[in-house]
Amino acid sequence: MNKLLLCSIIMLLAACSSSPVQNINYYLLSDTSALAAENRRDPAKPIVVLKQVRLSGYLDRANLAMQLKDHQLYYSKQDFWAEPLQLGIQKALLADMSSAASPIELVSAASPLARQSHSQLSIQIDHFISTYQSQVLISGQYWLQTTAQEEQQSRVEVRAFKFVAELHQDGYAHSVSQLRALVTQMSQQVSETSKAMIENGVKL
């Protein structure tokens, strides 16, 4: 019986070793080739603290997802985010909205600059996905909470966003690149609107 079991195990291992090995791909949302430049902070820019980034439940997993139909999703078994997507989006937002081109200075809650801020930004990502229509999509909402120095009451303004881009190549590498570009577009809208909200006392 032991010899028969041993032979069965050997045959199983031989079969597994002879089967083709599928390549596993890992993707970062941020560009590792671009190092963040240390720029002097513009004192004219309002400082905004990134309070939180929340994802829809279906995005809270390592597998890259694709929308096959209006109500059907496919999760790749070979393509994965190299880090939690929530963290990747947070890094991308901080990079985009702390650049010299941004009208605000977005900082993390751990930053020393956070103590100087009277504004907090929260973002909800509802969809962040490639679709069967050869597009990539990001949508959701964000809300800015501000507290005037002379007032005790906070003010909150909620805004929605949606950005779509066409896919010109096959494969997840291209879709990740296009999704990153959508984050930049969203960052531009959020930063410009947030500055206007702060300057107008969140009365737009």
Protein backbone atom coordinates (compact mmCIF):
# COMPACT_ATOMS: atom_id res chain seq x y z
CA MET A 1 0.00 0.00 0.00
CA ASN A 2 2.85 2.39 0.90
CA LYS A 3 4.65 1.66 -2.38
CA LEU A 4 1.45 2.30 -4.33
CA LEU A 5 0.89 5.60 -2.53
CA LEU A 6 4.50 6.64 -3.14
CA CYS A 7 4.20 5.89 -6.86
CA SER A 8 0.97 7.91 -7.06
CA ILE A 9 2.64 10.92 -5.42
CA ILE A 10 5.63 10.72 -7.77
CA MET A 11 3.35 10.56 -10.82
CA LEU A 12 1.35 13.55 -9.55
CA LEU A 13 4.47 15.64 -9.01
CA ALA A 14 5.78 14.71 -12.45
CA ALA A 15 2.50 15.78 -14.02
CA CYS A 16 2.57 19.10 -12.18
CA SER A 17 6.15 19.81 -13.17
CA SER A 18 5.44 19.10 -16.82
CA SER A 19 2.41 21.42 -16.98
CA PRO A 20 3.09 24.94 -18.33
CA VAL A 21 3.73 27.58 -15.65
CA GLN A 22 1.63 30.70 -16.05
CA ASN A 23 3.35 34.02 -15.61
CA ILE A 24 2.23 36.02 -12.58
CA ASN A 25 2.30 39.79 -13.09
CA TYR A 26 2.34 42.45 -10.39
CA TYR A 27 1.53 46.11 -11.00
CA LEU A 28 2.18 49.34 -9.12
CA LEU A 29 -0.14 52.27 -9.64
CA SER A 30 2.70 54.71 -8.99
CA ASP A 31 5.60 55.17 -11.40
CA THR A 32 8.74 53.85 -9.73
CA SER A 33 10.99 55.57 -12.29
CA ALA A 34 9.80 59.02 -11.27
CA LEU A 35 11.33 60.14 -8.00
CA ALA A 36 9.47 62.79 -6.08
CA ALA A 37 11.27 66.09 -6.31
CA GLU A 38 11.80 68.05 -3.14
CA ASN A 39 10.20 71.39 -3.80
CA ARG A 40 9.92 74.35 -1.49
CA ARG A 41 6.39 74.68 -0.25
CA ASP A 42 4.42 77.60 -1.62
CA PRO A 43 3.01 79.40 1.46
CA ALA A 44 0.14 80.72 -0.67
CA LYS A 45 -1.20 77.20 -1.16
CA PRO A 46 -3.84 75.99 1.31
CA ILE A 47 -2.83 72.81 3.14
CA VAL A 48 -5.35 69.98 2.98
CA VAL A 49 -5.06 66.75 4.95
CA LEU A 50 -5.95 63.50 3.19
CA LYS A 51 -8.18 61.96 5.84
CA GLN A 52 -9.13 58.73 4.10
CA VAL A 53 -9.49 56.89 0.79
CA ARG A 54 -12.26 54.30 0.72
CA LEU A 55 -12.87 51.66 -1.95
CA SER A 56 -15.95 49.73 -2.98
CA GLY A 57 -15.91 46.18 -1.68
CA TYR A 58 -15.23 44.58 -5.05
CA LEU A 59 -12.01 46.60 -5.40
CA ASP A 60 -10.66 45.50 -2.03
CA ARG A 61 -8.66 42.53 -3.33
CA ALA A 62 -5.30 41.95 -4.99
CA ASN A 63 -6.60 40.61 -8.31
CA LEU A 64 -7.04 43.10 -11.12
CA ALA A 65 -10.67 43.26 -12.19
CA MET A 66 -12.34 43.79 -15.54
CA GLN A 67 -16.00 44.44 -16.29
CA LEU A 68 -17.23 41.85 -18.79
CA LYS A 69 -20.86 43.00 -18.98
CA ASP A 70 -23.00 45.59 -17.26
CA HIS A 71 -23.31 43.43 -14.14
CA GLN A 72 -20.50 40.90 -14.53
CA LEU A 73 -16.89 41.11 -13.32
CA TYR A 74 -13.83 39.04 -14.06
CA TYR A 75 -10.88 38.79 -11.67
CA SER A 76 -7.57 37.90 -13.26
CA LYS A 77 -5.76 34.87 -11.86
CA GLN A 78 -2.40 36.07 -13.17
CA ASP A 79 -2.45 39.85 -12.69
CA PHE A 80 -2.26 41.43 -9.23
CA TRP A 81 -1.69 44.75 -7.53
CA ALA A 82 1.76 44.73 -5.91
CA GLU A 83 0.37 46.62 -2.91
CA PRO A 84 -3.15 47.24 -1.60
CA LEU A 85 -5.01 49.35 -4.15
CA GLN A 86 -6.19 51.72 -1.44
CA LEU A 87 -2.57 52.49 -0.56
CA GLY A 88 -1.61 52.84 -4.23
CA ILE A 89 -4.36 55.37 -4.90
CA GLN A 90 -3.46 57.27 -1.74
CA LYS A 91 0.19 57.52 -2.86
CA ALA A 92 -0.89 58.69 -6.32
CA LEU A 93 -3.16 61.39 -4.88
CA LEU A 94 -0.46 62.67 -2.54
CA ALA A 95 2.04 62.78 -5.42
CA ASP A 96 -0.33 64.62 -7.76
CA MET A 97 -1.74 67.10 -5.26
CA SER A 98 1.55 68.00 -3.63
CA SER A 99 3.29 68.78 -6.92
CA ALA A 100 4.27 72.27 -7.99
CA ALA A 101 1.37 72.35 -10.46
CA SER A 102 -1.28 71.64 -7.83
CA PRO A 103 -3.21 74.63 -6.40
CA ILE A 104 -3.32 72.96 -2.97
CA GLU A 105 -0.80 71.14 -0.79
CA LEU A 106 -2.22 67.70 0.03
CA VAL A 107 -0.49 66.01 2.97
CA SER A 108 -0.99 62.83 4.95
CA ALA A 109 -2.27 62.91 8.50
CA ALA A 110 1.23 61.96 9.67
CA SER A 111 2.84 65.02 8.06
CA PRO A 112 4.00 67.86 10.34
CA LEU A 113 2.15 70.22 7.98
CA ALA A 114 -1.14 68.59 8.96
CA ARG A 115 -1.18 70.67 12.16
CA GLN A 116 -1.37 73.84 10.07
CA SER A 117 -4.42 72.70 8.12
CA HIS A 118 -8.09 73.47 8.74
CA SER A 119 -9.28 71.28 5.85
CA GLN A 120 -9.67 67.52 5.49
CA LEU A 121 -10.30 65.60 2.28
CA SER A 122 -12.03 62.21 2.09
CA ILE A 123 -12.44 60.25 -1.13
CA GLN A 124 -14.72 57.34 -2.00
CA ILE A 125 -13.77 55.29 -5.09
CA ASP A 126 -16.84 53.49 -6.42
CA HIS A 127 -15.34 52.20 -9.68
CA PHE A 128 -11.72 51.85 -10.80
CA ILE A 129 -11.71 49.33 -13.59
CA SER A 130 -11.26 48.45 -17.26
CA THR A 131 -14.43 47.60 -19.16
CA TYR A 132 -15.66 45.41 -22.02
CA GLN A 133 -16.07 48.61 -24.05
CA SER A 134 -12.27 49.01 -24.27
CA GLN A 135 -12.27 51.80 -21.71
CA VAL A 136 -11.03 52.47 -18.21
CA LEU A 137 -13.21 54.20 -15.65
CA ILE A 138 -12.83 55.94 -12.32
CA SER A 139 -15.83 57.31 -10.46
CA GLY A 140 -16.89 58.16 -6.95
CA GLN A 141 -17.23 61.17 -4.72
CA TYR A 142 -15.16 63.31 -2.41
CA TRP A 143 -15.96 65.62 0.44
CA LEU A 144 -14.01 68.48 1.92
CA GLN A 145 -14.46 69.41 5.58
CA THR A 146 -13.23 72.85 6.60
CA THR A 147 -13.21 74.65 9.91
CA ALA A 148 -12.66 78.40 9.90
CA GLN A 149 -10.20 79.62 12.50
CA GLU A 150 -12.72 82.02 13.98
CA GLU A 151 -15.57 79.49 13.98
CA GLN A 152 -16.22 76.28 15.86
CA GLN A 153 -18.60 74.75 13.31
CA SER A 154 -17.24 72.69 10.43
CA ARG A 155 -18.56 72.85 6.90
CA VAL A 156 -18.73 69.93 4.51
CA GLU A 157 -19.19 69.95 0.74
CA VAL A 158 -19.67 66.74 -1.28
CA ARG A 159 -18.88 66.45 -4.98
CA ALA A 160 -19.03 63.55 -7.46
CA PHE A 161 -16.50 62.71 -10.17
CA LYS A 162 -16.28 60.41 -13.17
CA PHE A 163 -13.52 60.09 -15.75
CA VAL A 164 -13.26 57.70 -18.70
CA ALA A 165 -10.40 56.99 -21.12
CA GLU A 166 -10.06 54.76 -24.17
CA LEU A 167 -7.82 51.70 -24.26
CA HIS A 168 -5.57 51.54 -27.32
CA GLN A 169 -3.67 48.36 -26.48
CA ASP A 170 -4.45 44.94 -25.06
CA GLY A 171 -3.24 43.78 -21.69
CA TYR A 172 -3.40 44.93 -18.09
CA ALA A 173 -0.14 46.91 -18.29
CA HIS A 174 -1.77 49.43 -20.61
CA SER A 175 -4.98 49.58 -18.59
CA VAL A 176 -3.01 50.26 -15.39
CA SER A 177 -1.19 53.10 -17.16
CA GLN A 178 -4.50 54.58 -18.31
CA LEU A 179 -6.03 54.19 -14.86
CA ARG A 180 -3.09 56.09 -13.39
CA ALA A 181 -3.75 58.90 -15.89
CA LEU A 182 -7.37 59.01 -14.72
CA VAL A 183 -6.21 59.44 -11.13
CA THR A 184 -4.25 62.50 -12.28
CA GLN A 185 -7.34 63.95 -13.98
CA MET A 186 -9.38 63.34 -10.85
CA SER A 187 -6.64 64.92 -8.72
CA GLN A 188 -6.71 68.06 -10.84
CA GLN A 189 -10.46 68.43 -10.45
CA VAL A 190 -10.40 67.74 -6.72
CA SER A 191 -7.51 70.11 -6.03
CA GLU A 192 -8.98 72.98 -8.07
CA THR A 193 -12.44 72.57 -6.55
CA SER A 194 -11.03 72.20 -3.04
CA LYS A 195 -9.09 75.45 -3.34
CA ALA A 196 -12.22 77.26 -4.57
CA MET A 197 -14.23 75.81 -1.67
CA ILE A 198 -11.67 76.97 0.86
CA GLU A 199 -11.40 80.46 -0.62
CA ASN A 200 -15.19 80.82 -0.76
CA GLY A 201 -15.88 79.29 2.63
CA VAL A 202 -17.36 76.15 1.05
CA LYS A 203 -20.21 78.20 -0.43
CA LEU A 204 -20.09 77.32 -4.11
